[in-house]
Protein backbone atom coordinates (compact mmCIF):
# COMPACT_ATOMS: atom_id res chain seq x y z
CA MET A 1 86.79 -13.77 -29.66
CA LYS A 2 83.72 -11.51 -29.72
CA LYS A 3 81.48 -14.60 -29.91
CA GLN A 4 83.15 -16.07 -26.83
CA ILE A 5 82.66 -12.81 -24.92
CA ILE A 6 78.99 -12.65 -25.95
CA VAL A 7 78.41 -16.29 -24.90
CA GLY A 8 80.13 -15.61 -21.60
CA TRP A 9 77.91 -12.62 -20.89
CA LEU A 10 74.79 -14.59 -21.83
CA LEU A 11 75.74 -17.39 -19.44
CA LEU A 12 76.34 -14.84 -16.70
CA LEU A 13 72.96 -13.22 -17.31
CA PHE A 14 71.20 -16.61 -17.27
CA SER A 15 72.88 -17.45 -13.98
CA PHE A 16 71.36 -14.33 -12.42
CA ALA A 17 67.98 -15.01 -14.00
CA LEU A 18 67.67 -18.56 -12.66
CA PRO A 19 66.11 -18.88 -9.17
CA ALA A 20 68.56 -19.85 -6.45
CA GLN A 21 67.90 -23.25 -4.88
CA ILE A 22 69.51 -25.04 -1.99
CA SER A 23 71.38 -28.14 -3.07
CA TYR A 24 72.88 -30.94 -1.05
CA ALA A 25 76.31 -29.38 -1.52
CA ASP A 26 75.03 -26.07 -0.10
CA ALA A 27 73.17 -27.52 2.88
CA GLN A 28 75.27 -27.21 6.01
CA PRO A 29 74.77 -28.02 9.70
CA GLY A 30 73.08 -25.03 11.25
CA ASP A 31 71.00 -24.20 8.17
CA VAL A 32 67.37 -23.45 9.03
CA ILE A 33 64.24 -24.09 6.97
CA ILE A 34 60.88 -22.82 8.22
CA THR A 35 57.49 -23.95 6.91
CA LEU A 36 54.47 -21.76 7.52
CA GLY A 37 50.85 -22.80 7.13
CA GLU A 38 49.45 -21.02 4.09
CA ASN A 39 46.35 -19.81 5.95
CA LEU A 40 48.12 -18.08 8.82
CA THR A 41 47.30 -14.39 9.04
CA PRO A 42 50.21 -11.95 8.54
CA GLU A 43 50.16 -11.30 12.29
CA GLN A 44 50.28 -15.04 13.06
CA GLN A 45 53.13 -15.53 10.58
CA GLU A 46 55.20 -12.84 12.27
CA ALA A 47 54.45 -14.25 15.73
CA ILE A 48 55.43 -17.78 14.62
CA LYS A 49 58.65 -16.53 13.01
CA GLN A 50 59.54 -14.65 16.18
CA GLU A 51 58.75 -17.75 18.28
CA MET A 52 61.07 -19.81 16.07
CA GLY A 53 63.89 -17.28 16.27
CA TYR A 54 63.77 -16.46 12.55
CA GLN A 55 66.88 -14.77 11.20
CA GLU A 56 67.58 -13.10 7.88
CA GLY A 57 68.74 -15.79 5.49
CA ASP A 58 66.59 -18.61 6.91
CA THR A 59 64.66 -20.37 4.15
CA ILE A 60 60.87 -20.07 4.36
CA VAL A 61 58.38 -22.25 2.47
CA THR A 62 54.61 -22.48 2.77
CA VAL A 63 52.44 -25.55 3.18
CA SER A 64 48.96 -25.58 1.66
CA ASN A 65 45.80 -27.28 2.86
CA ALA A 66 45.76 -29.21 -0.43
CA GLU A 67 49.15 -30.72 0.45
CA GLU A 68 47.81 -31.71 3.87
CA HIS A 69 44.84 -33.48 2.28
CA LYS A 70 47.14 -35.19 -0.23
CA TYR A 71 49.16 -36.91 2.47
CA LEU A 72 46.51 -37.38 5.16
CA GLY A 73 43.28 -37.87 3.19
CA GLN A 74 43.56 -41.67 3.10
CA TYR A 75 43.92 -42.00 6.87
CA ILE A 76 41.73 -39.41 8.60
CA SER A 77 38.53 -37.57 7.71
CA LYS A 78 38.40 -34.30 5.79
CA ALA A 79 36.81 -32.71 8.83
CA GLN A 80 39.77 -33.68 11.01
CA ILE A 81 42.28 -32.32 8.49
CA GLY A 82 40.27 -29.13 8.22
CA SER A 83 40.15 -26.49 5.50
CA LYS A 84 43.08 -24.34 6.59
CA ALA A 85 46.84 -24.94 6.79
CA ILE A 86 47.89 -23.68 10.22
CA SER A 87 50.64 -25.95 11.58
CA SER A 88 54.17 -24.68 11.08
CA ALA A 89 57.60 -26.20 11.58
CA LYS A 90 61.27 -25.33 11.83
CA ILE A 91 64.04 -27.74 10.89
CA THR A 92 67.66 -27.06 11.80
CA LEU A 93 70.21 -29.31 10.11
CA LYS A 94 72.80 -30.95 12.38
CA GLU A 95 76.06 -32.82 12.03
CA ALA A 96 75.90 -36.36 10.65
CA GLY A 97 75.17 -38.88 13.38
CA SER A 98 73.48 -36.33 15.66
CA GLY A 99 70.07 -37.98 15.38
CA LEU A 100 66.63 -36.41 15.59
CA ASN A 101 65.30 -34.14 18.30
CA VAL A 102 61.65 -33.08 18.14
CA GLU A 103 59.91 -30.42 20.22
CA THR A 104 56.29 -29.29 19.93
CA LYS A 105 54.03 -26.49 21.13
CA ASN A 106 50.22 -26.32 20.89
CA ILE A 107 50.14 -29.84 19.40
CA SER A 108 47.49 -31.93 21.15
CA TRP A 109 47.22 -35.28 19.35
CA VAL A 110 50.59 -36.18 17.84
CA THR A 111 53.41 -36.53 20.38
CA GLU A 112 57.07 -35.71 19.85
CA ASP A 113 57.97 -39.40 19.75
CA MET A 114 55.25 -40.09 17.18
CA TYR A 115 56.77 -37.43 14.95
CA SER A 116 60.24 -38.92 15.51
CA ASN A 117 59.12 -42.44 14.62
CA SER A 118 57.36 -41.31 11.44
CA LEU A 119 60.25 -39.09 10.37
CA ILE A 120 62.66 -42.00 10.81
CA THR A 121 60.44 -44.05 8.50
CA ALA A 122 60.56 -41.23 5.93
CA GLY A 123 64.35 -41.16 6.10
CA VAL A 124 64.72 -37.82 7.88
CA LYS A 125 67.83 -37.70 10.07
CA ASP A 126 70.23 -35.42 11.91
CA ALA A 127 68.00 -32.43 12.63
CA ASP A 128 66.39 -30.40 15.40
CA ILE A 129 62.69 -30.08 14.65
CA TYR A 130 60.14 -27.73 16.18
CA VAL A 131 56.42 -27.99 15.39
CA THR A 132 54.02 -25.29 16.50
CA ALA A 133 50.75 -23.47 15.84
CA PRO A 134 49.24 -20.17 17.05
CA PHE A 135 46.61 -22.17 18.97
CA GLU A 136 46.03 -25.81 19.89
CA VAL A 137 45.76 -28.15 16.89
CA SER A 138 45.96 -31.93 16.43
CA GLY A 139 49.35 -31.74 14.72
CA THR A 140 48.62 -34.23 11.94
CA ALA A 141 49.56 -31.68 9.27
CA GLY A 142 52.88 -30.91 10.96
CA LEU A 143 54.56 -33.90 9.34
CA THR A 144 53.72 -32.59 5.86
CA GLY A 145 55.60 -29.38 6.58
CA ILE A 146 58.61 -31.12 8.11
CA LEU A 147 59.02 -33.44 5.12
CA LYS A 148 58.70 -30.51 2.72
CA ALA A 149 61.32 -28.54 4.66
CA TYR A 150 63.68 -31.51 4.69
CA GLU A 151 63.40 -31.86 0.92
CA VAL A 152 63.95 -28.13 0.41
CA SER A 153 67.18 -28.47 2.41
CA GLY A 154 68.48 -30.56 -0.49
CA GLU A 155 69.25 -33.51 1.76
CA LYS A 156 67.23 -35.90 -0.40
CA VAL A 157 64.02 -36.35 -2.35
CA ILE A 158 61.70 -38.50 -0.27
CA PRO A 159 59.71 -40.98 -2.41
CA GLU A 160 55.97 -40.30 -2.39
CA GLU A 161 55.16 -43.81 -1.14
CA GLN A 162 57.54 -43.33 1.78
CA LYS A 163 55.83 -40.05 2.70
CA GLN A 164 52.45 -41.79 2.62
CA ILE A 165 53.66 -44.60 4.89
CA ALA A 166 55.18 -42.10 7.34
CA ASN A 167 51.85 -40.24 7.54
CA GLU A 168 49.92 -43.49 7.92
CA GLU A 169 52.24 -44.56 10.74
CA MET A 170 51.77 -41.25 12.54
CA VAL A 171 47.97 -41.42 12.28
CA LYS A 172 47.73 -45.08 13.30
CA THR A 173 49.99 -44.49 16.31
CA ALA A 174 47.93 -41.49 17.43
CA GLN A 175 44.65 -43.37 16.93
CA LEU A 176 45.87 -46.34 18.94
CA GLY A 177 47.24 -43.92 21.53
CA GLU A 178 43.73 -42.58 22.12
CA ARG A 179 42.72 -45.99 23.48
CA ILE A 180 45.86 -47.34 25.18
CA GLY A 181 47.87 -44.17 25.81
CA ALA A 182 50.39 -42.35 23.63
CA ASP A 183 53.48 -43.84 25.31
CA ALA A 184 52.17 -47.39 25.03
CA ALA A 185 51.31 -46.94 21.35
CA THR A 186 54.71 -45.42 20.59
CA ALA A 187 56.44 -48.22 22.49
CA LEU A 188 54.60 -50.82 20.43
CA PHE A 189 55.49 -49.22 17.10
CA THR A 190 59.10 -48.68 18.14
CA ARG A 191 59.61 -52.27 19.25
CA ILE A 192 58.08 -53.65 16.06
CA LYS A 193 60.26 -51.39 13.89
CA GLU A 194 63.37 -52.41 15.82
CA GLU A 195 62.61 -56.07 15.16
CA ILE A 196 61.95 -55.45 11.47
CA ALA A 197 65.15 -53.39 11.21
CA ASN A 198 67.04 -56.41 12.53
CA ASN A 199 65.26 -58.75 10.11
CA PRO A 200 63.58 -56.90 7.20
CA ASN A 201 62.96 -60.16 5.32
CA LEU A 202 60.14 -61.36 7.55
CA THR A 203 57.19 -63.04 5.85
CA ASP A 204 53.66 -61.66 6.27
CA GLU A 205 52.90 -64.45 8.74
CA GLN A 206 56.03 -63.64 10.74
CA VAL A 207 55.05 -59.96 10.89
CA SER A 208 51.66 -60.98 12.29
CA ALA A 209 53.32 -63.21 14.91
CA LEU A 210 55.79 -60.43 15.74
CA ILE A 211 52.98 -57.96 16.42
CA ASP A 212 51.23 -60.50 18.67
CA ARG A 213 54.41 -61.20 20.64
CA ILE A 214 55.43 -57.59 21.24
CA ALA A 215 51.87 -56.52 22.10
CA ALA A 216 51.75 -59.35 24.67
CA GLU A 217 55.14 -58.36 26.10
CA LEU A 218 53.90 -54.79 26.56
CA GLY A 219 50.56 -55.89 27.99
CA ILE A 220 48.62 -54.44 25.07
CA GLN A 221 45.47 -56.10 23.76
CA LEU A 222 44.80 -55.16 20.15
CA THR A 223 41.41 -55.42 18.49
CA ASP A 224 41.23 -57.41 15.26
CA THR A 225 40.90 -54.16 13.30
CA GLU A 226 43.90 -52.59 15.03
CA LYS A 227 46.04 -55.66 14.47
CA GLN A 228 45.13 -55.89 10.79
CA GLY A 229 45.94 -52.21 10.37
CA LEU A 230 49.39 -52.79 11.85
CA ILE A 231 49.97 -55.88 9.70
CA ASP A 232 49.10 -53.92 6.55
CA LEU A 233 51.29 -50.96 7.56
CA PHE A 234 54.38 -52.94 8.51
CA ASN A 235 54.12 -55.22 5.49
CA LYS A 236 54.14 -52.12 3.27
CA MET A 237 57.01 -50.71 5.29
CA LYS A 238 59.23 -53.78 5.05
CA ASN A 239 58.63 -54.04 1.30
CA MET A 240 59.87 -50.50 0.71
CA ASN A 241 63.42 -49.50 -0.11
CA ILE A 242 64.08 -48.26 3.43
CA ASP A 243 67.59 -48.06 4.88
CA TRP A 244 66.90 -50.30 7.88
CA ASN A 245 70.40 -49.83 9.29
CA GLN A 246 69.72 -46.10 9.46
CA VAL A 247 66.30 -46.75 11.00
CA LYS A 248 67.92 -48.91 13.67
CA ASN A 249 70.43 -46.17 14.51
CA ASP A 250 67.83 -43.41 14.62
CA LEU A 251 65.45 -45.38 16.86
CA VAL A 252 67.91 -45.05 19.76
CA TYR A 253 66.30 -41.83 21.02
CA VAL A 254 62.78 -43.25 20.85
CA SER A 255 64.00 -46.45 22.51
CA GLU A 256 65.30 -44.41 25.45
CA ARG A 257 61.79 -43.05 25.87
CA LEU A 258 60.52 -46.62 25.66
CA GLN A 259 62.71 -47.57 28.61
CA GLU A 260 61.12 -44.76 30.61
CA PHE A 261 57.69 -46.13 29.67
CA MET A 262 58.64 -49.63 30.82
CA LYS A 263 59.77 -48.22 34.18
CA ASP A 264 56.52 -46.33 34.62
CA GLU A 265 54.39 -47.57 37.54
CA ARG A 266 51.31 -47.86 35.32
CA THR A 267 53.18 -50.07 32.85
CA GLN A 268 54.56 -52.21 35.65
CA GLY A 269 51.02 -52.56 36.97
CA ILE A 270 49.84 -53.83 33.58
CA MET A 271 52.67 -56.38 33.42
CA LYS A 272 51.93 -57.49 37.01
CA ASN A 273 48.28 -58.06 36.10
CA ILE A 274 49.33 -60.23 33.15
CA ILE A 275 51.70 -62.29 35.32
CA ASP A 276 49.10 -62.63 38.09
CA GLY A 277 46.54 -63.76 35.53
CA LEU A 278 48.97 -66.32 34.12
CA ILE A 279 49.72 -67.69 37.60
CA ALA A 280 46.01 -67.92 38.38
CA PHE A 281 45.44 -69.76 35.10
CA LEU A 282 48.25 -72.24 35.86
CA ASN A 283 46.88 -72.82 39.36
CA TRP A 284 43.46 -73.44 37.85
CA LEU A 285 44.96 -76.00 35.46
CA LYS A 286 46.83 -77.61 38.32
CA GLY A 287 43.63 -77.88 40.34
CA LEU A 288 41.76 -79.24 37.34
CA PHE A 289 44.26 -82.04 36.76
CA GLY A 290 44.46 -82.71 40.50
CA ALA A 291 40.69 -83.17 40.63
CA ALA A 292 40.82 -85.50 37.62
CA GLU A 293 43.44 -87.69 39.31
CA ALA A 294 41.36 -87.90 42.48
C-alpha cells in the first residue's frame, strides 16, 4: 500500500515538473497563438502585443532569424531575408469549415492572398491570421511564424518539405507579381492549383500545358525562366501528400478575389488586347489566302 502511495506521489510530482504543451485535444476555436520576431526590442514587443490584442493566457512563441533563413534561403538572397527576425503574427483558431482569413499591416511585398495561397499549400486551415511588423518589411518571414504558430496549436505537424514548397510558392508569386502585378500573379497560381486539385495525377507535360493555357486565358506572358520555375514548383506540389480536396475547399476565398481581378478594367483591357490581336491575325491570314487565290 505504501509503495502504491509513493508511486502515486511520484507520478503527481512528475506531472507538475513536465512542461505544459498544447495538444490537438486542448486546441479550441478561439485559442490564440502569437509569434514574435526574436530581434524585436522589448518596447516593440509590447507595442505588437497591444496591437494584436494580447490577453493573459495567449500562447507566445518566438521566431529566429535562423529559422527564416532555413525556410527562405533557397529562394531569396540572404540580404533580402536580412539578419534580424522582425515580422510577427497572430493566429486565432476557428470552427472547422470556417476557412482562412488573412490581414496584414506594414507588409509591402507579400499580399494577403499570397499568404492564403501558401498557407493552403502547407495545410493550414480554419484560422484568422494577422501579420505585422513595427515598420514596413517585405513580409517573406511572416509565413515562417504563421506555420510555427499553427504547429504549436497542436493542429498538426507540417512536413518539412511541405513548408519549403509553401515558402517557395509565396516567393515565386511575389517575384512574378513584381512584373505583372500581385493580383495577376495570385490569379495565375490560384487557377493552376484549382486545376491540379481537380486532377492531381497530371503528367509533367500536362502541367506544362496547363500553365500555358491558364496564362493565356489570363493574358499573362511568362518568360521561359518563369514558366520553368512554375513547372518545377507545381510538379513538386502534385507529387506531395497534399489533401487536394481540402485545398480545393480552401481556395474558395482566394477564388472570390480572382473574380474581382477578372472584373477589373485593367484585366479586361488585357483580354481585349488579346482578342483584338487574334482578330487582326485572322484577318491577316484571310487577306493572305485571298491574295493567293487572286
